[in-house]
Amino acid sequence: MISLFVYLIIGLLVLTKGSEWFVRSSAMIAHLTGLPRLMMGAILIGLATNLPEFAVSISAAWKGHGGIALANPVGSNIVNTGLIFGICLVRSRMVLDPKCLPIHGIPMLLAALLTYVLILAGSLTWIGGGTLLFACVLYVFWSFLSGKQDSPAEQLLEEVGENRWESTLSRRNLQWTASICLAIMGITCVILGSRWVLSTAVALARILELSESVIALTFIAAGTSLPELATVLAAGSRNHHDTSVGIIFGSNIYNMLGVIGISGLIGRLPVETANRLFDFPVMMLILFIPFVPLLMNRMPGRKTGWTLLTIYTIYTYSLFTIYKVFES
């Protein structure tokens, strides 16, 4: 069993590294083709932080593991907000623009609510998946027109090292060659890593006698959220706190609308009782908590951060203890 955990960690690392390489190449190719910087940001923000979730969930849906395909993005949202955003609030005094949370948060809450309503009816079919994917396209279009992704885009393009590539590879043909090679290596690692993670997760679930959803909500969700953690910590170290919020909430939106939407189009996603009565309500609660201080004309701080971390810890512990109650 220890070897399976090692394989899972290796698979997640390969998946994450492949995602990083693919995003770096995408940013460089977009720059070489002269695409508007704002358009790059609107697309790359979701691609950069959610590519692991896309890869794992799509692979799971394709191979008939719908429980993993649904639980992975839900668990990722819980990790993004409960763990990563909680850590950000606790480790530093975040000074946020009062408009930042509503701008990014309201679309996030609406996306989560739409997804929850669709899964209440039972299994998510291609109709529900298509609805979510259509909403995702509208969100990307709105982000581009309104310019809401501008700040996260600037930070992302700085993180992927666009300027460093220009200085290192002065000749345009070398830039194209390096970009294409990196894209091929990245997508290869993403495909291999996602398959590795999926097969290992299924084997772990059988050995531990747990549902595949539990593995996806914990180990896989934490692993596929590594890009969000790295990008958010990098933004926080530069005091770009509004960027951190935009990345976290934007990732949550793409998880709900994009990852679940495409997975639903590929294959039927079974919705278990635990998903309806436990996972989604906990996710909705965690997503709403950062907005509670706004009701008192305050901004979320360390108390909010500790609240998020506490709920995340209790939820994760309960997955290995009382989760089977919902399955009986």
Protein backbone atom coordinates (compact mmCIF):
# COMPACT_ATOMS: atom_id res chain seq x y z
CA MET A 1 0.00 0.00 0.00
CA ILE A 2 2.89 2.36 0.73
CA SER A 3 4.09 1.87 -2.82
CA LEU A 4 0.69 2.99 -4.12
CA PHE A 5 0.94 6.24 -2.15
CA VAL A 6 4.41 6.76 -3.61
CA TYR A 7 3.07 6.12 -7.11
CA LEU A 8 0.22 8.56 -6.47
CA ILE A 9 2.63 11.29 -5.35
CA ILE A 10 4.88 10.69 -8.35
CA GLY A 11 1.88 10.79 -10.69
CA LEU A 12 0.68 14.07 -9.18
CA LEU A 13 4.15 15.59 -9.49
CA VAL A 14 4.39 14.51 -13.15
CA LEU A 15 0.91 15.91 -13.77
CA THR A 16 1.72 19.21 -12.06
CA LYS A 17 5.05 19.64 -13.85
CA GLY A 18 3.45 18.85 -17.19
CA SER A 19 0.76 21.43 -16.47
CA GLU A 20 3.42 24.04 -15.68
CA TRP A 21 5.34 23.33 -18.90
CA PHE A 22 2.19 23.41 -21.02
CA VAL A 23 1.07 26.73 -19.54
CA ARG A 24 4.50 28.29 -20.02
CA SER A 25 4.49 27.23 -23.67
CA SER A 26 0.91 28.48 -24.13
CA ALA A 27 1.80 31.89 -22.71
CA MET A 28 4.83 32.15 -24.99
CA ILE A 29 2.93 31.03 -28.09
CA ALA A 30 0.13 33.49 -27.32
CA HIS A 31 2.74 36.22 -26.95
CA LEU A 32 4.45 35.30 -30.23
CA THR A 33 1.13 35.34 -32.10
CA GLY A 34 0.33 38.78 -30.73
CA LEU A 35 -2.89 37.90 -28.91
CA PRO A 36 -4.18 40.65 -26.59
CA ARG A 37 -2.74 40.34 -23.09
CA LEU A 38 -6.21 40.48 -21.54
CA MET A 39 -7.44 37.61 -23.72
CA MET A 40 -4.38 35.60 -22.73
CA GLY A 41 -5.19 36.14 -19.09
CA ALA A 42 -8.87 35.28 -19.37
CA ILE A 43 -7.99 31.91 -20.89
CA LEU A 44 -4.68 31.12 -19.19
CA ILE A 45 -5.92 31.81 -15.66
CA GLY A 46 -8.25 28.82 -15.91
CA LEU A 47 -5.80 26.74 -17.93
CA ALA A 48 -2.85 27.41 -15.65
CA THR A 49 -4.46 26.44 -12.38
CA ASN A 50 -7.05 23.89 -13.50
CA LEU A 51 -5.27 21.78 -16.08
CA PRO A 52 -4.60 18.94 -13.57
CA GLU A 53 -8.29 18.86 -12.61
CA PHE A 54 -9.30 18.86 -16.26
CA ALA A 55 -6.89 16.01 -17.05
CA VAL A 56 -7.87 13.76 -14.14
CA SER A 57 -11.64 14.31 -14.36
CA ILE A 58 -11.79 13.93 -18.15
CA SER A 59 -9.72 10.75 -17.96
CA ALA A 60 -11.96 9.44 -15.16
CA ALA A 61 -15.16 10.23 -17.06
CA TRP A 62 -13.77 8.59 -20.22
CA LYS A 63 -12.92 5.39 -18.35
CA GLY A 64 -16.22 5.20 -16.51
CA HIS A 65 -15.13 6.45 -13.08
CA GLY A 66 -17.74 9.18 -12.84
CA GLY A 67 -17.47 9.42 -9.05
CA ILE A 68 -13.85 10.57 -9.34
CA ALA A 69 -14.68 12.93 -12.21
CA LEU A 70 -17.27 14.71 -10.04
CA ALA A 71 -15.52 14.54 -6.66
CA ASN A 72 -12.16 15.83 -7.90
CA PRO A 73 -13.29 19.39 -8.79
CA VAL A 74 -15.57 19.55 -5.74
CA GLY A 75 -12.70 18.53 -3.47
CA SER A 76 -10.40 20.96 -5.28
CA ASN A 77 -12.78 23.83 -4.50
CA ILE A 78 -12.82 22.82 -0.85
CA VAL A 79 -9.01 22.69 -0.81
CA ASN A 80 -8.68 25.99 -2.68
CA THR A 81 -10.92 27.91 -0.31
CA GLY A 82 -10.77 25.98 2.96
CA LEU A 83 -7.06 25.21 2.96
CA ILE A 84 -5.24 27.57 0.57
CA PHE A 85 -7.31 30.71 1.14
CA GLY A 86 -7.43 29.87 4.84
CA ILE A 87 -3.63 29.70 4.95
CA CYS A 88 -3.37 33.02 3.09
CA LEU A 89 -5.65 34.74 5.60
CA VAL A 90 -3.85 33.26 8.62
CA ARG A 91 -0.24 33.77 7.51
CA SER A 92 -0.53 37.44 6.61
CA ARG A 93 -2.80 40.39 7.06
CA MET A 94 -4.36 40.59 3.62
CA VAL A 95 -5.31 44.09 2.51
CA LEU A 96 -8.02 43.60 -0.08
CA ASP A 97 -9.90 45.98 -2.27
CA PRO A 98 -13.51 46.02 -0.91
CA LYS A 99 -14.75 45.41 -4.46
CA CYS A 100 -12.47 42.41 -4.97
CA LEU A 101 -14.53 39.77 -3.18
CA PRO A 102 -17.90 40.63 -4.78
CA ILE A 103 -16.39 40.93 -8.28
CA HIS A 104 -14.86 37.47 -8.20
CA GLY A 105 -17.05 35.92 -5.51
CA ILE A 106 -20.54 36.46 -6.88
CA PRO A 107 -19.81 34.56 -10.14
CA MET A 108 -18.19 31.82 -8.04
CA LEU A 109 -21.25 31.42 -5.80
CA LEU A 110 -23.58 31.46 -8.80
CA ALA A 111 -21.48 28.79 -10.56
CA ALA A 112 -21.51 26.58 -7.45
CA LEU A 113 -25.26 27.07 -7.00
CA LEU A 114 -25.97 26.21 -10.64
CA THR A 115 -23.91 23.03 -10.36
CA TYR A 116 -25.62 22.05 -7.10
CA VAL A 117 -29.08 22.53 -8.63
CA LEU A 118 -28.15 20.35 -11.60
CA ILE A 119 -26.82 17.47 -9.49
CA LEU A 120 -29.86 17.48 -7.16
CA ALA A 121 -31.89 15.84 -9.90
CA GLY A 122 -29.58 12.83 -9.91
CA SER A 123 -26.85 11.85 -12.33
CA LEU A 124 -25.27 14.59 -14.37
CA THR A 125 -25.81 13.83 -18.06
CA TRP A 126 -24.67 15.56 -21.23
CA ILE A 127 -27.50 18.07 -20.88
CA GLY A 128 -26.25 19.25 -17.49
CA GLY A 129 -22.66 19.13 -18.70
CA GLY A 130 -23.52 21.20 -21.74
CA THR A 131 -25.33 23.74 -19.56
CA LEU A 132 -22.29 24.14 -17.31
CA LEU A 133 -19.90 24.38 -20.25
CA PHE A 134 -22.07 27.03 -21.90
CA ALA A 135 -22.02 29.01 -18.64
CA CYS A 136 -18.21 28.63 -18.58
CA VAL A 137 -17.93 30.10 -22.08
CA LEU A 138 -20.12 33.01 -21.01
CA TYR A 139 -17.91 33.57 -17.96
CA VAL A 140 -14.73 33.65 -20.07
CA PHE A 141 -16.41 36.05 -22.52
CA TRP A 142 -17.59 38.28 -19.66
CA SER A 143 -14.13 38.21 -18.09
CA PHE A 144 -12.56 39.35 -21.33
CA LEU A 145 -15.06 42.14 -22.00
CA SER A 146 -15.16 43.46 -18.44
CA GLY A 147 -11.42 43.18 -17.85
CA LYS A 148 -11.88 41.45 -14.49
CA GLN A 149 -9.04 39.05 -15.23
CA ASP A 150 -6.50 41.81 -15.91
CA SER A 151 -4.72 41.76 -12.55
CA PRO A 152 -4.49 37.96 -12.26
CA ALA A 153 -3.39 37.82 -15.90
CA GLU A 154 -0.53 40.23 -15.31
CA GLN A 155 0.62 38.19 -12.32
CA LEU A 156 0.28 34.90 -14.18
CA LEU A 157 2.28 36.07 -17.17
CA GLU A 158 4.96 37.29 -14.79
CA GLU A 159 5.01 33.91 -13.04
CA VAL A 160 5.29 31.86 -16.24
CA GLY A 161 8.37 33.85 -17.11
CA GLU A 162 7.38 35.46 -20.38
CA ASN A 163 9.98 38.21 -20.06
CA ARG A 164 12.69 35.76 -19.03
CA TRP A 165 12.02 33.71 -22.16
CA GLU A 166 12.39 36.81 -24.33
CA SER A 167 15.76 37.65 -22.83
CA THR A 168 17.02 34.06 -22.90
CA LEU A 169 15.84 33.21 -26.41
CA SER A 170 16.46 36.28 -28.47
CA ARG A 171 15.71 34.78 -31.86
CA ARG A 172 12.05 34.37 -32.75
CA ASN A 173 12.50 30.97 -34.42
CA LEU A 174 14.21 29.65 -31.28
CA GLN A 175 11.29 30.89 -29.21
CA TRP A 176 8.84 29.05 -31.45
CA THR A 177 10.90 25.85 -31.33
CA ALA A 178 11.28 25.96 -27.56
CA SER A 179 7.57 26.72 -27.09
CA ILE A 180 6.42 23.83 -29.26
CA CYS A 181 8.85 21.37 -27.65
CA LEU A 182 7.76 22.44 -24.18
CA ALA A 183 4.10 22.13 -25.16
CA ILE A 184 4.66 18.56 -26.43
CA MET A 185 6.52 17.58 -23.26
CA GLY A 186 3.90 19.25 -21.09
CA ILE A 187 0.85 17.64 -22.66
CA THR A 188 2.61 14.25 -22.66
CA CYS A 189 3.28 14.53 -18.92
CA VAL A 190 -0.29 15.69 -18.30
CA ILE A 191 -1.76 12.69 -20.13
CA LEU A 192 0.59 10.15 -18.53
CA GLY A 193 0.29 11.73 -15.09
CA SER A 194 -3.52 11.80 -15.17
CA ARG A 195 -3.69 8.13 -16.17
CA TRP A 196 -1.18 7.24 -13.46
CA VAL A 197 -3.12 9.16 -10.82
CA LEU A 198 -6.44 7.63 -11.87
CA SER A 199 -5.26 4.01 -11.86
CA THR A 200 -3.46 4.46 -8.53
CA ALA A 201 -6.49 6.14 -6.94
CA VAL A 202 -8.79 3.30 -8.00
CA ALA A 203 -6.34 0.74 -6.57
CA LEU A 204 -6.06 2.68 -3.29
CA ALA A 205 -9.83 2.87 -2.95
CA ARG A 206 -10.11 -0.91 -3.28
CA ILE A 207 -7.31 -1.67 -0.81
CA LEU A 208 -8.51 0.86 1.81
CA GLU A 209 -12.15 -0.18 1.21
CA LEU A 210 -13.11 3.42 0.60
CA SER A 211 -15.25 4.86 -2.15
CA GLU A 212 -13.47 6.38 -5.11
CA SER A 213 -15.07 9.70 -4.18
CA VAL A 214 -13.19 9.82 -0.86
CA ILE A 215 -9.84 9.34 -2.59
CA ALA A 216 -10.75 12.02 -5.13
CA LEU A 217 -11.97 14.45 -2.46
CA THR A 218 -8.77 14.14 -0.43
CA PHE A 219 -5.53 12.93 -2.02
CA ILE A 220 -6.32 13.75 -5.65
CA ALA A 221 -7.97 17.10 -4.83
CA ALA A 222 -5.00 18.20 -2.73
CA GLY A 223 -2.54 17.10 -5.40
CA THR A 224 -4.31 18.77 -8.31
CA SER A 225 -4.54 22.01 -6.29
CA LEU A 226 -0.75 22.35 -6.12
CA PRO A 227 -0.66 24.87 -9.02
CA GLU A 228 -3.16 27.09 -7.19
CA LEU A 229 -1.09 26.88 -4.00
CA ALA A 230 2.16 27.76 -5.75
CA THR A 231 0.67 30.64 -7.75
CA VAL A 232 -1.24 32.09 -4.78
CA LEU A 233 1.79 31.96 -2.47
CA ALA A 234 3.90 33.63 -5.16
CA ALA A 235 1.31 36.38 -5.54
CA GLY A 236 1.04 36.79 -1.76
CA SER A 237 4.81 37.14 -1.39
CA ARG A 238 4.57 40.18 -3.68
CA ASN A 239 1.58 41.54 -1.71
CA HIS A 240 -0.71 40.93 -4.70
CA HIS A 241 -3.53 39.81 -2.42
CA ASP A 242 -6.33 40.78 -4.81
CA THR A 243 -4.61 38.58 -7.40
CA SER A 244 -4.61 35.67 -4.94
CA VAL A 245 -8.36 36.03 -4.47
CA GLY A 246 -8.92 36.23 -8.23
CA ILE A 247 -6.87 33.09 -8.84
CA ILE A 248 -8.59 31.07 -6.09
CA PHE A 249 -12.13 32.12 -6.94
CA GLY A 250 -11.48 31.91 -10.69
CA SER A 251 -10.14 28.37 -10.26
CA ASN A 252 -13.30 27.44 -8.34
CA ILE A 253 -15.44 28.75 -11.18
CA TYR A 254 -13.55 26.78 -13.81
CA ASN A 255 -13.79 23.65 -11.63
CA MET A 256 -17.56 23.90 -11.43
CA LEU A 257 -18.38 25.04 -14.95
CA GLY A 258 -15.47 23.78 -17.03
CA VAL A 259 -14.19 20.60 -15.41
CA ILE A 260 -17.57 19.17 -14.41
CA GLY A 261 -19.16 20.48 -17.62
CA ILE A 262 -16.73 18.73 -19.98
CA SER A 263 -16.72 15.58 -17.83
CA GLY A 264 -20.52 15.49 -18.02
CA LEU A 265 -20.39 15.73 -21.81
CA ILE A 266 -17.94 12.84 -22.02
CA GLY A 267 -19.73 10.43 -19.71
CA ARG A 268 -22.55 10.14 -17.21
CA LEU A 269 -21.50 11.32 -13.73
CA PRO A 270 -23.34 9.42 -10.97
CA VAL A 271 -24.33 11.61 -8.03
CA GLU A 272 -24.24 9.73 -4.73
CA THR A 273 -26.27 10.58 -1.64
CA ALA A 274 -23.08 11.73 0.07
CA ASN A 275 -22.44 14.19 -2.75
CA ARG A 276 -25.88 15.78 -2.40
CA LEU A 277 -26.16 15.79 1.39
CA PHE A 278 -22.55 16.25 2.49
CA ASP A 279 -19.91 17.23 -0.08
CA PHE A 280 -21.79 19.95 -1.93
CA PRO A 281 -23.32 21.53 1.21
CA VAL A 282 -19.86 21.66 2.84
CA MET A 283 -18.42 23.17 -0.33
CA MET A 284 -21.18 25.79 -0.45
CA LEU A 285 -20.58 26.63 3.22
CA ILE A 286 -16.82 27.04 2.74
CA LEU A 287 -17.32 29.18 -0.36
CA PHE A 288 -19.75 31.45 1.52
CA ILE A 289 -17.70 31.94 4.71
CA PRO A 290 -15.31 34.57 3.25
CA PHE A 291 -18.35 36.77 2.57
CA VAL A 292 -19.73 36.68 6.14
CA PRO A 293 -17.51 39.59 7.32
CA LEU A 294 -18.84 41.69 4.43
CA LEU A 295 -22.30 41.49 6.00
CA MET A 296 -20.80 43.37 8.98
CA ASN A 297 -18.94 45.87 6.78
CA ARG A 298 -15.63 44.13 7.45
CA MET A 299 -13.10 42.25 5.35
CA PRO A 300 -12.10 38.63 6.01
CA GLY A 301 -9.07 38.29 8.27
CA ARG A 302 -7.32 35.74 10.46
CA LYS A 303 -10.52 34.70 12.25
CA THR A 304 -12.06 33.87 8.89
CA GLY A 305 -8.88 32.00 7.95
CA TRP A 306 -8.92 29.89 11.11
CA THR A 307 -12.62 29.18 10.55
CA LEU A 308 -11.93 27.93 7.03
CA LEU A 309 -9.02 25.75 8.18
CA THR A 310 -11.08 24.29 11.04
CA ILE A 311 -13.99 23.35 8.78
CA TYR A 312 -11.61 21.89 6.21
CA THR A 313 -9.90 19.76 8.88
CA ILE A 314 -13.18 18.50 10.31
CA TYR A 315 -14.53 17.73 6.84
CA THR A 316 -11.41 15.82 5.79
CA TYR A 317 -11.42 13.80 9.02
CA SER A 318 -15.09 12.97 8.58
CA LEU A 319 -14.45 11.57 5.10
CA PHE A 320 -12.51 8.71 6.68
CA THR A 321 -14.88 8.22 9.62
CA ILE A 322 -18.57 8.96 9.12
CA TYR A 323 -18.68 9.17 5.30
CA LYS A 324 -19.92 5.59 5.00
CA VAL A 325 -23.11 6.61 6.81
CA PHE A 326 -24.26 8.33 3.62
CA GLU A 327 -23.39 5.31 1.52
CA SER A 328 -25.42 2.83 3.50
